Amino acid sequence: MKTFGRIAVCGSISLYNDTTPQTGPYVQPHMIFKQLRMEGFLVHRWEHKNVESLKQLMAWVKEGKLKYSEHITTGFDKMPAAFMGMLKGDNIGKAIVKV
């Protein structure tokens, strides 16, 4: 991270059903010495920029600057399993059920 960098934190769906606390790396010293800022946010805070943002994101997709992944499950009958898999983090990218 660059000095004065920012870390955006949004969502924690993978933790909703955990029965034990998560463990992981302790980044506090790095954050202190680099003077980083970590800030949580809700998507509604930026709702007034939706149109502008979508135009820019679509341009980046068309230019190949922004890439995305989709995890497609086929069949209406597989919807419950696809939903549970999404909650468990089994998918990579956007989870889609194709009916």
PDB file of N, CA and C in Angstrom:
ATOM      1  N   MET A   1       0.837  -1.181   0.000  1.00  0.00           N
ATOM      2  CA  MET A   1       0.000   0.000   0.000  1.00  0.00           C
ATOM      3  C   MET A   1       0.883   1.246   0.000  1.00  0.00           C
ATOM      4  N   LYS A   2       0.398   2.260  -0.683  1.00  0.00           N
ATOM      5  CA  LYS A   2       1.091   3.534  -0.682  1.00  0.00           C
ATOM      6  C   LYS A   2       0.768   4.282   0.606  1.00  0.00           C
ATOM      7  N   THR A   3       1.654   5.187   0.991  1.00  0.00           N
ATOM      8  CA  THR A   3       1.411   6.028   2.150  1.00  0.00           C
ATOM      9  C   THR A   3       0.118   6.808   1.941  1.00  0.00           C
ATOM     10  N   PHE A   4      -0.689   6.901   2.962  1.00  0.00           N
ATOM     11  CA  PHE A   4      -1.996   7.560   2.965  1.00  0.00           C
ATOM     12  C   PHE A   4      -3.013   6.839   2.075  1.00  0.00           C
ATOM     13  N   GLY A   5      -2.759   5.554   1.751  1.00  0.00           N
ATOM     14  CA  GLY A   5      -3.715   4.775   0.966  1.00  0.00           C
ATOM     15  C   GLY A   5      -5.011   4.566   1.736  1.00  0.00           C
ATOM     16  N   ARG A   6      -6.055   4.172   1.022  1.00  0.00           N
ATOM     17  CA  ARG A   6      -7.355   3.923   1.641  1.00  0.00           C
ATOM     18  C   ARG A   6      -7.819   2.515   1.314  1.00  0.00           C
ATOM     19  N   ILE A   7      -8.477   1.891   2.243  1.00  0.00           N
ATOM     20  CA  ILE A   7      -9.034   0.556   2.074  1.00  0.00           C
ATOM     21  C   ILE A   7     -10.540   0.673   2.225  1.00  0.00           C
ATOM     22  N   ALA A   8     -11.281   0.305   1.191  1.00  0.00           N
ATOM     23  CA  ALA A   8     -12.747   0.341   1.255  1.00  0.00           C
ATOM     24  C   ALA A   8     -13.245  -1.012   1.735  1.00  0.00           C
ATOM     25  N   VAL A   9     -14.108  -1.002   2.732  1.00  0.00           N
ATOM     26  CA  VAL A   9     -14.646  -2.236   3.291  1.00  0.00           C
ATOM     27  C   VAL A   9     -16.152  -2.205   3.138  1.00  0.00           C
ATOM     28  N   CYS A  10     -16.678  -3.163   2.381  1.00  0.00           N
ATOM     29  CA  CYS A  10     -18.122  -3.210   2.160  1.00  0.00           C
ATOM     30  C   CYS A  10     -18.561  -4.661   2.150  1.00  0.00           C
ATOM     31  N   GLY A  11     -19.517  -5.002   2.992  1.00  0.00           N
ATOM     32  CA  GLY A  11     -20.078  -6.344   3.000  1.00  0.00           C
ATOM     33  C   GLY A  11     -19.275  -7.325   3.824  1.00  0.00           C
ATOM     34  N   SER A  12     -19.970  -8.306   4.351  1.00  0.00           N
ATOM     35  CA  SER A  12     -19.314  -9.359   5.126  1.00  0.00           C
ATOM     36  C   SER A  12     -20.163 -10.615   5.098  1.00  0.00           C
ATOM     37  N   ILE A  13     -20.807 -10.862   3.959  1.00  0.00           N
ATOM     38  CA  ILE A  13     -21.754 -11.966   3.851  1.00  0.00           C
ATOM     39  C   ILE A  13     -21.118 -13.313   4.191  1.00  0.00           C
ATOM     40  N   SER A  14     -19.833 -13.465   3.911  1.00  0.00           N
ATOM     41  CA  SER A  14     -19.177 -14.742   4.186  1.00  0.00           C
ATOM     42  C   SER A  14     -19.033 -15.002   5.683  1.00  0.00           C
ATOM     43  N   LEU A  15     -19.219 -13.986   6.511  1.00  0.00           N
ATOM     44  CA  LEU A  15     -19.066 -14.137   7.957  1.00  0.00           C
ATOM     45  C   LEU A  15     -20.393 -14.270   8.695  1.00  0.00           C
ATOM     46  N   TYR A  16     -21.516 -14.070   8.021  1.00  0.00           N
ATOM     47  CA  TYR A  16     -22.809 -14.007   8.691  1.00  0.00           C
ATOM     48  C   TYR A  16     -23.122 -15.231   9.538  1.00  0.00           C
ATOM     49  N   ASN A  17     -22.780 -16.406   9.068  1.00  0.00           N
ATOM     50  CA  ASN A  17     -23.160 -17.632   9.762  1.00  0.00           C
ATOM     51  C   ASN A  17     -22.003 -18.300  10.502  1.00  0.00           C
ATOM     52  N   ASP A  18     -20.892 -17.602  10.671  1.00  0.00           N
ATOM     53  CA  ASP A  18     -19.752 -18.182  11.376  1.00  0.00           C
ATOM     54  C   ASP A  18     -20.102 -18.435  12.841  1.00  0.00           C
ATOM     55  N   THR A  19     -19.638 -19.552  13.346  1.00  0.00           N
ATOM     56  CA  THR A  19     -19.860 -19.871  14.760  1.00  0.00           C
ATOM     57  C   THR A  19     -18.629 -19.562  15.610  1.00  0.00           C
ATOM     58  N   THR A  20     -17.480 -19.336  14.969  1.00  0.00           N
ATOM     59  CA  THR A  20     -16.269 -18.968  15.693  1.00  0.00           C
ATOM     60  C   THR A  20     -15.694 -17.691  15.090  1.00  0.00           C
ATOM     61  N   PRO A  21     -15.046 -16.880  15.906  1.00  0.00           N
ATOM     62  CA  PRO A  21     -14.461 -15.634  15.379  1.00  0.00           C
ATOM     63  C   PRO A  21     -13.397 -15.926  14.323  1.00  0.00           C
ATOM     64  N   GLN A  22     -13.298 -15.039  13.339  1.00  0.00           N
ATOM     65  CA  GLN A  22     -12.297 -15.177  12.289  1.00  0.00           C
ATOM     66  C   GLN A  22     -10.919 -14.823  12.816  1.00  0.00           C
ATOM     67  N   THR A  23      -9.914 -15.496  12.293  1.00  0.00           N
ATOM     68  CA  THR A  23      -8.529 -15.145  12.600  1.00  0.00           C
ATOM     69  C   THR A  23      -7.865 -14.731  11.293  1.00  0.00           C
ATOM     70  N   GLY A  24      -6.826 -13.994  11.399  1.00  0.00           N
ATOM     71  CA  GLY A  24      -6.165 -13.565  10.178  1.00  0.00           C
ATOM     72  C   GLY A  24      -4.945 -12.731  10.486  1.00  0.00           C
ATOM     73  N   PRO A  25      -4.376 -12.144   9.448  1.00  0.00           N
ATOM     74  CA  PRO A  25      -3.168 -11.344   9.666  1.00  0.00           C
ATOM     75  C   PRO A  25      -3.484 -10.088  10.470  1.00  0.00           C
ATOM     76  N   TYR A  26      -2.513  -9.652  11.219  1.00  0.00           N
ATOM     77  CA  TYR A  26      -2.665  -8.425  12.001  1.00  0.00           C
ATOM     78  C   TYR A  26      -1.950  -7.311  11.259  1.00  0.00           C
ATOM     79  N   VAL A  27      -2.714  -6.434  10.683  1.00  0.00           N
ATOM     80  CA  VAL A  27      -2.156  -5.409   9.795  1.00  0.00           C
ATOM     81  C   VAL A  27      -1.979  -4.067  10.490  1.00  0.00           C
ATOM     82  N   GLN A  28      -2.268  -3.993  11.776  1.00  0.00           N
ATOM     83  CA  GLN A  28      -2.226  -2.703  12.466  1.00  0.00           C
ATOM     84  C   GLN A  28      -0.873  -1.987  12.342  1.00  0.00           C
ATOM     85  N   PRO A  29       0.271  -2.653  12.569  1.00  0.00           N
ATOM     86  CA  PRO A  29       1.540  -1.911  12.429  1.00  0.00           C
ATOM     87  C   PRO A  29       1.721  -1.331  11.024  1.00  0.00           C
ATOM     88  N   HIS A  30       1.397  -2.106  10.008  1.00  0.00           N
ATOM     89  CA  HIS A  30       1.509  -1.628   8.631  1.00  0.00           C
ATOM     90  C   HIS A  30       0.602  -0.414   8.422  1.00  0.00           C
ATOM     91  N   MET A  31      -0.609  -0.486   8.957  1.00  0.00           N
ATOM     92  CA  MET A  31      -1.556   0.619   8.793  1.00  0.00           C
ATOM     93  C   MET A  31      -1.058   1.871   9.517  1.00  0.00           C
ATOM     94  N   ILE A  32      -0.436   1.694  10.670  1.00  0.00           N
ATOM     95  CA  ILE A  32       0.054   2.846  11.432  1.00  0.00           C
ATOM     96  C   ILE A  32       1.226   3.509  10.708  1.00  0.00           C
ATOM     97  N   PHE A  33       2.223   2.716  10.307  1.00  0.00           N
ATOM     98  CA  PHE A  33       3.417   3.300   9.698  1.00  0.00           C
ATOM     99  C   PHE A  33       3.136   3.904   8.326  1.00  0.00           C
ATOM    100  N   LYS A  34       2.186   3.347   7.596  1.00  0.00           N
ATOM    101  CA  LYS A  34       1.832   3.890   6.285  1.00  0.00           C
ATOM    102  C   LYS A  34       0.724   4.945   6.388  1.00  0.00           C
ATOM    103  N   GLN A  35       0.200   5.156   7.607  1.00  0.00           N
ATOM    104  CA  GLN A  35      -0.864   6.134   7.852  1.00  0.00           C
ATOM    105  C   GLN A  35      -2.081   5.867   6.966  1.00  0.00           C
ATOM    106  N   LEU A  36      -2.463   4.594   6.895  1.00  0.00           N
ATOM    107  CA  LEU A  36      -3.594   4.190   6.065  1.00  0.00           C
ATOM    108  C   LEU A  36      -4.909   4.479   6.772  1.00  0.00           C
ATOM    109  N   ARG A  37      -5.975   4.513   5.985  1.00  0.00           N
ATOM    110  CA  ARG A  37      -7.303   4.713   6.545  1.00  0.00           C
ATOM    111  C   ARG A  37      -8.209   3.612   6.023  1.00  0.00           C
ATOM    112  N   MET A  38      -8.888   2.922   6.925  1.00  0.00           N
ATOM    113  CA  MET A  38      -9.861   1.904   6.546  1.00  0.00           C
ATOM    114  C   MET A  38     -11.232   2.435   6.955  1.00  0.00           C
ATOM    115  N   GLU A  39     -12.152   2.462   6.001  1.00  0.00           N
ATOM    116  CA  GLU A  39     -13.450   3.071   6.245  1.00  0.00           C
ATOM    117  C   GLU A  39     -14.553   2.163   5.730  1.00  0.00           C
ATOM    118  N   GLY A  40     -15.490   1.851   6.583  1.00  0.00           N
ATOM    119  CA  GLY A  40     -16.656   1.090   6.158  1.00  0.00           C
ATOM    120  C   GLY A  40     -17.664   2.010   5.471  1.00  0.00           C
ATOM    121  N   PHE A  41     -18.483   1.431   4.607  1.00  0.00           N
ATOM    122  CA  PHE A  41     -19.501   2.243   3.948  1.00  0.00           C
ATOM    123  C   PHE A  41     -20.671   1.374   3.515  1.00  0.00           C
ATOM    124  N   LEU A  42     -21.792   2.010   3.310  1.00  0.00           N
ATOM    125  CA  LEU A  42     -22.969   1.365   2.742  1.00  0.00           C
ATOM    126  C   LEU A  42     -23.152   1.913   1.333  1.00  0.00           C
ATOM    127  N   VAL A  43     -23.557   1.058   0.422  1.00  0.00           N
ATOM    128  CA  VAL A  43     -23.661   1.435  -0.984  1.00  0.00           C
ATOM    129  C   VAL A  43     -24.626   2.614  -1.191  1.00  0.00           C
ATOM    130  N   HIS A  44     -25.612   2.749  -0.340  1.00  0.00           N
ATOM    131  CA  HIS A  44     -26.605   3.827  -0.498  1.00  0.00           C
ATOM    132  C   HIS A  44     -25.985   5.221  -0.332  1.00  0.00           C
ATOM    133  N   ARG A  45     -24.838   5.279   0.331  1.00  0.00           N
ATOM    134  CA  ARG A  45     -24.168   6.562   0.516  1.00  0.00           C
ATOM    135  C   ARG A  45     -23.828   7.209  -0.831  1.00  0.00           C
ATOM    136  N   TRP A  46     -23.590   6.392  -1.864  1.00  0.00           N
ATOM    137  CA  TRP A  46     -23.158   6.901  -3.163  1.00  0.00           C
ATOM    138  C   TRP A  46     -24.238   6.748  -4.237  1.00  0.00           C
ATOM    139  N   GLU A  47     -25.483   6.554  -3.827  1.00  0.00           N
ATOM    140  CA  GLU A  47     -26.580   6.323  -4.774  1.00  0.00           C
ATOM    141  C   GLU A  47     -26.732   7.462  -5.789  1.00  0.00           C
ATOM    142  N   HIS A  48     -26.442   8.666  -5.386  1.00  0.00           N
ATOM    143  CA  HIS A  48     -26.574   9.811  -6.292  1.00  0.00           C
ATOM    144  C   HIS A  48     -25.570   9.761  -7.454  1.00  0.00           C
ATOM    145  N   LYS A  49     -24.583   8.864  -7.386  1.00  0.00           N
ATOM    146  CA  LYS A  49     -23.582   8.751  -8.450  1.00  0.00           C
ATOM    147  C   LYS A  49     -23.787   7.501  -9.310  1.00  0.00           C
ATOM    148  N   ASN A  50     -24.933   6.825  -9.173  1.00  0.00           N
ATOM    149  CA  ASN A  50     -25.171   5.568  -9.893  1.00  0.00           C
ATOM    150  C   ASN A  50     -25.007   5.695 -11.403  1.00  0.00           C
ATOM    151  N   VAL A  51     -25.660   6.663 -12.015  1.00  0.00           N
ATOM    152  CA  VAL A  51     -25.631   6.792 -13.480  1.00  0.00           C
ATOM    153  C   VAL A  51     -24.208   7.056 -13.966  1.00  0.00           C
ATOM    154  N   GLU A  52     -23.542   8.000 -13.341  1.00  0.00           N
ATOM    155  CA  GLU A  52     -22.155   8.336 -13.701  1.00  0.00           C
ATOM    156  C   GLU A  52     -21.239   7.120 -13.534  1.00  0.00           C
ATOM    157  N   SER A  53     -21.420   6.406 -12.436  1.00  0.00           N
ATOM    158  CA  SER A  53     -20.576   5.241 -12.149  1.00  0.00           C
ATOM    159  C   SER A  53     -20.801   4.125 -13.159  1.00  0.00           C
ATOM    160  N   LEU A  54     -22.052   3.836 -13.477  1.00  0.00           N
ATOM    161  CA  LEU A  54     -22.346   2.770 -14.436  1.00  0.00           C
ATOM    162  C   LEU A  54     -21.770   3.065 -15.812  1.00  0.00           C
ATOM    163  N   LYS A  55     -21.848   4.304 -16.239  1.00  0.00           N
ATOM    164  CA  LYS A  55     -21.258   4.688 -17.531  1.00  0.00           C
ATOM    165  C   LYS A  55     -19.761   4.423 -17.537  1.00  0.00           C
ATOM    166  N   GLN A  56     -19.070   4.821 -16.467  1.00  0.00           N
ATOM    167  CA  GLN A  56     -17.618   4.637 -16.403  1.00  0.00           C
ATOM    168  C   GLN A  56     -17.269   3.158 -16.321  1.00  0.00           C
ATOM    169  N   LEU A  57     -17.986   2.403 -15.504  1.00  0.00           N
ATOM    170  CA  LEU A  57     -17.708   0.970 -15.363  1.00  0.00           C
ATOM    171  C   LEU A  57     -17.927   0.230 -16.677  1.00  0.00           C
ATOM    172  N   MET A  58     -19.005   0.533 -17.384  1.00  0.00           N
ATOM    173  CA  MET A  58     -19.276  -0.121 -18.668  1.00  0.00           C
ATOM    174  C   MET A  58     -18.201   0.218 -19.698  1.00  0.00           C
ATOM    175  N   ALA A  59     -17.725   1.457 -19.674  1.00  0.00           N
ATOM    176  CA  ALA A  59     -16.644   1.838 -20.589  1.00  0.00           C
ATOM    177  C   ALA A  59     -15.393   1.019 -20.284  1.00  0.00           C
ATOM    178  N   TRP A  60     -15.080   0.843 -19.010  1.00  0.00           N
ATOM    179  CA  TRP A  60     -13.902   0.051 -18.632  1.00  0.00           C
ATOM    180  C   TRP A  60     -14.060  -1.408 -19.028  1.00  0.00           C
ATOM    181  N   VAL A  61     -15.272  -1.949 -18.916  1.00  0.00           N
ATOM    182  CA  VAL A  61     -15.511  -3.343 -19.337  1.00  0.00           C
ATOM    183  C   VAL A  61     -15.274  -3.463 -20.841  1.00  0.00           C
ATOM    184  N   LYS A  62     -15.831  -2.534 -21.614  1.00  0.00           N
ATOM    185  CA  LYS A  62     -15.677  -2.569 -23.072  1.00  0.00           C
ATOM    186  C   LYS A  62     -14.223  -2.411 -23.500  1.00  0.00           C
ATOM    187  N   GLU A  63     -13.457  -1.614 -22.753  1.00  0.00           N
ATOM    188  CA  GLU A  63     -12.043  -1.393 -23.075  1.00  0.00           C
ATOM    189  C   GLU A  63     -11.149  -2.521 -22.556  1.00  0.00           C
ATOM    190  N   GLY A  64     -11.720  -3.435 -21.787  1.00  0.00           N
ATOM    191  CA  GLY A  64     -10.935  -4.529 -21.216  1.00  0.00           C
ATOM    192  C   GLY A  64     -10.145  -4.144 -19.977  1.00  0.00           C
ATOM    193  N   LYS A  65     -10.386  -2.952 -19.451  1.00  0.00           N
ATOM    194  CA  LYS A  65      -9.685  -2.490 -18.249  1.00  0.00           C
ATOM    195  C   LYS A  65     -10.294  -3.079 -16.975  1.00  0.00           C
ATOM    196  N   LEU A  66     -11.545  -3.501 -17.062  1.00  0.00           N
ATOM    197  CA  LEU A  66     -12.242  -4.078 -15.915  1.00  0.00           C
ATOM    198  C   LEU A  66     -12.753  -5.447 -16.329  1.00  0.00           C
ATOM    199  N   LYS A  67     -12.342  -6.461 -15.608  1.00  0.00           N
ATOM    200  CA  LYS A  67     -12.747  -7.826 -15.919  1.00  0.00           C
ATOM    201  C   LYS A  67     -13.642  -8.344 -14.805  1.00  0.00           C
ATOM    202  N   TYR A  68     -14.522  -9.271 -15.127  1.00  0.00           N
ATOM    203  CA  TYR A  68     -15.439  -9.808 -14.127  1.00  0.00           C
ATOM    204  C   TYR A  68     -15.559 -11.313 -14.305  1.00  0.00           C
ATOM    205  N   SER A  69     -16.025 -11.964 -13.267  1.00  0.00           N
ATOM    206  CA  SER A  69     -16.253 -13.411 -13.291  1.00  0.00           C
ATOM    207  C   SER A  69     -17.702 -13.689 -12.923  1.00  0.00           C
ATOM    208  N   GLU A  70     -18.250 -14.725 -13.514  1.00  0.00           N
ATOM    209  CA  GLU A  70     -19.605 -15.172 -13.194  1.00  0.00           C
ATOM    210  C   GLU A  70     -19.574 -16.659 -12.871  1.00  0.00           C
ATOM    211  N   HIS A  71     -20.306 -17.031 -11.865  1.00  0.00           N
ATOM    212  CA  HIS A  71     -20.478 -18.442 -11.495  1.00  0.00           C
ATOM    213  C   HIS A  71     -21.932 -18.779 -11.824  1.00  0.00           C
ATOM    214  N   ILE A  72     -22.148 -19.516 -12.913  1.00  0.00           N
ATOM    215  CA  ILE A  72     -23.511 -19.782 -13.399  1.00  0.00           C
ATOM    216  C   ILE A  72     -23.927 -21.196 -13.020  1.00  0.00           C
ATOM    217  N   THR A  73     -25.071 -21.294 -12.335  1.00  0.00           N
ATOM    218  CA  THR A  73     -25.686 -22.576 -12.010  1.00  0.00           C
ATOM    219  C   THR A  73     -26.914 -22.705 -12.894  1.00  0.00           C
ATOM    220  N   THR A  74     -27.048 -23.822 -13.585  1.00  0.00           N
ATOM    221  CA  THR A  74     -28.171 -24.018 -14.498  1.00  0.00           C
ATOM    222  C   THR A  74     -29.243 -24.872 -13.842  1.00  0.00           C
ATOM    223  N   GLY A  75     -30.486 -24.379 -13.889  1.00  0.00           N
ATOM    224  CA  GLY A  75     -31.633 -25.137 -13.397  1.00  0.00           C
ATOM    225  C   GLY A  75     -32.287 -24.509 -12.182  1.00  0.00           C
ATOM    226  N   PHE A  76     -33.588 -24.279 -12.302  1.00  0.00           N
ATOM    227  CA  PHE A  76     -34.372 -23.702 -11.207  1.00  0.00           C
ATOM    228  C   PHE A  76     -34.301 -24.586  -9.970  1.00  0.00           C
ATOM    229  N   ASP A  77     -34.246 -25.896 -10.179  1.00  0.00           N
ATOM    230  CA  ASP A  77     -34.205 -26.835  -9.059  1.00  0.00           C
ATOM    231  C   ASP A  77     -32.895 -26.746  -8.269  1.00  0.00           C
ATOM    232  N   LYS A  78     -31.861 -26.151  -8.852  1.00  0.00           N
ATOM    233  CA  LYS A  78     -30.571 -26.025  -8.167  1.00  0.00           C
ATOM    234  C   LYS A  78     -30.433 -24.693  -7.439  1.00  0.00           C
ATOM    235  N   MET A  79     -31.490 -23.867  -7.465  1.00  0.00           N
ATOM    236  CA  MET A  79     -31.437 -22.548  -6.844  1.00  0.00           C
ATOM    237  C   MET A  79     -31.099 -22.612  -5.349  1.00  0.00           C
ATOM    238  N   PRO A  80     -31.723 -23.487  -4.547  1.00  0.00           N
ATOM    239  CA  PRO A  80     -31.370 -23.513  -3.123  1.00  0.00           C
ATOM    240  C   PRO A  80     -29.888 -23.845  -2.896  1.00  0.00           C
ATOM    241  N   ALA A  81     -29.364 -24.811  -3.625  1.00  0.00           N
ATOM    242  CA  ALA A  81     -27.949 -25.180  -3.469  1.00  0.00           C
ATOM    243  C   ALA A  81     -27.039 -24.034  -3.918  1.00  0.00           C
ATOM    244  N   ALA A  82     -27.417 -23.349  -4.997  1.00  0.00           N
ATOM    245  CA  ALA A  82     -26.628 -22.216  -5.478  1.00  0.00           C
ATOM    246  C   ALA A  82     -26.618 -21.096  -4.434  1.00  0.00           C
ATOM    247  N   PHE A  83     -27.757 -20.852  -3.822  1.00  0.00           N
ATOM    248  CA  PHE A  83     -27.856 -19.807  -2.795  1.00  0.00           C
ATOM    249  C   PHE A  83     -26.992 -20.151  -1.585  1.00  0.00           C
ATOM    250  N   MET A  84     -27.075 -21.380  -1.118  1.00  0.00           N
ATOM    251  CA  MET A  84     -26.271 -21.805   0.030  1.00  0.00           C
ATOM    252  C   MET A  84     -24.780 -21.764  -0.319  1.00  0.00           C
ATOM    253  N   GLY A  85     -24.438 -22.160  -1.551  1.00  0.00           N
ATOM    254  CA  GLY A  85     -23.046 -22.100  -1.982  1.00  0.00           C
ATOM    255  C   GLY A  85     -22.526 -20.678  -1.992  1.00  0.00           C
ATOM    256  N   MET A  86     -23.378 -19.733  -2.434  1.00  0.00           N
ATOM    257  CA  MET A  86     -22.991 -18.328  -2.443  1.00  0.00           C
ATOM    258  C   MET A  86     -22.732 -17.846  -1.013  1.00  0.00           C
ATOM    259  N   LEU A  87     -23.574 -18.234  -0.080  1.00  0.00           N
ATOM    260  CA  LEU A  87     -23.385 -17.817   1.306  1.00  0.00           C
ATOM    261  C   LEU A  87     -22.128 -18.426   1.919  1.00  0.00           C
ATOM    262  N   LYS A  88     -21.769 -19.619   1.464  1.00  0.00           N
ATOM    263  CA  LYS A  88     -20.567 -20.284   1.983  1.00  0.00           C
ATOM    264  C   LYS A  88     -19.296 -19.832   1.266  1.00  0.00           C
ATOM    265  N   GLY A  89     -19.442 -19.088   0.178  1.00  0.00           N
ATOM    266  CA  GLY A  89     -18.267 -18.625  -0.561  1.00  0.00           C
ATOM    267  C   GLY A  89     -17.764 -19.625  -1.578  1.00  0.00           C
ATOM    268  N   ASP A  90     -18.639 -20.538  -2.030  1.00  0.00           N
ATOM    269  CA  ASP A  90     -18.223 -21.544  -3.016  1.00  0.00           C
ATOM    270  C   ASP A  90     -18.007 -20.950  -4.408  1.00  0.00           C
ATOM    271  N   ASN A  91     -18.605 -19.813  -4.683  1.00  0.00           N
ATOM    272  CA  ASN A  91     -18.514 -19.232  -6.024  1.00  0.00           C
ATOM    273  C   ASN A  91     -17.391 -18.203  -6.107  1.00  0.00           C
ATOM    274  N   ILE A  92     -16.963 -17.934  -7.342  1.00  0.00           N
ATOM    275  CA  ILE A  92     -16.033 -16.845  -7.618  1.00  0.00           C
ATOM    276  C   ILE A  92     -16.759 -15.911  -8.571  1.00  0.00           C
ATOM    277  N   GLY A  93     -16.879 -14.673  -8.216  1.00  0.00           N
ATOM    278  CA  GLY A  93     -17.597 -13.705  -9.053  1.00  0.00           C
ATOM    279  C   GLY A  93     -19.073 -13.674  -8.731  1.00  0.00           C
ATOM    280  N   LYS A  94     -19.843 -13.141  -9.651  1.00  0.00           N
ATOM    281  CA  LYS A  94     -21.285 -13.000  -9.502  1.00  0.00           C
ATOM    282  C   LYS A  94     -21.953 -14.354  -9.588  1.00  0.00           C
ATOM    283  N   ALA A  95     -22.793 -14.695  -8.602  1.00  0.00           N
ATOM    284  CA  ALA A  95     -23.522 -15.964  -8.612  1.00  0.00           C
ATOM    285  C   ALA A  95     -24.834 -15.782  -9.375  1.00  0.00           C
ATOM    286  N   ILE A  96     -25.039 -16.581 -10.412  1.00  0.00           N
ATOM    287  CA  ILE A  96     -26.217 -16.470 -11.279  1.00  0.00           C
ATOM    288  C   ILE A  96     -26.862 -17.843 -11.389  1.00  0.00           C
ATOM    289  N   VAL A  97     -28.196 -17.870 -11.328  1.00  0.00           N
ATOM    290  CA  VAL A  97     -28.929 -19.110 -11.586  1.00  0.00           C
ATOM    291  C   VAL A  97     -29.653 -18.920 -12.912  1.00  0.00           C
ATOM    292  N   LYS A  98     -29.312 -19.764 -13.889  1.00  0.00           N
ATOM    293  CA  LYS A  98     -29.911 -19.690 -15.224  1.00  0.00           C
ATOM    294  C   LYS A  98     -31.076 -20.670 -15.252  1.00  0.00           C
ATOM    295  N   VAL A  99     -32.274 -20.153 -15.513  1.00  0.00           N
ATOM    296  CA  VAL A  99     -33.467 -21.019 -15.570  1.00  0.00           C
ATOM    297  C   VAL A  99     -33.963 -21.180 -16.982  1.00  0.00           C
TER     298      VAL A  99
END
